[in-house]
């Protein structure tokens, strides 16, 4: 159940990431804000988002919701998790953007379900969309001798590495995506 009051920060209209979204993805992204729980999680299945966020928008059919989710996740605006083939989304800047002064904050039921599950990474390339688990989180869970094997993996096996030599005609968006991935890896303490 959505709270009636959520903060929509003024800088959202000036966000470079939000402005790179298609108009339908931007609408889904902003209209989803009131539907996140108090810790920034919500159901992420296309059907759930259609029913809860844009139920009466006939110009955003259920068949398009999956592509819009991929667009939003690939920009780093949402994190997505899959548990038993059920998707959940999380807003990575939720705690920075929402204030709960004077309100009782309810613990997230979805966060308990997700637990230590690694987030699902979504990359859009010229060959299509690739989906895989976050290797940074998986490395923490395996033995020390296995970490060396993961670090020696090839670029195809290690989705966090993005070599622009592999991209036929790199665009500014490719460079920005590479920069974003490097920042994510640096924040997680992983070398790429």
Foldseek 3Di string as FASTA:
>chain_A
DFDPDWFDDPCCVVDPLLVVADPVLNQLLVQCRRVAALQFKDWDQLVVSCVPRVVPPPVCDSVCSVVSVLSCVLSVQWWWFADPNTIMIGGPCRVVRTDQVPHDHDDDPVCVVCPLGFTWHWHQAPVGIDIDGQVLSVLVVDDPVVNVVQVPDDCVSHVLDDDCVPHPDDDVVSVVSNVVSCVVCVVSVHDD
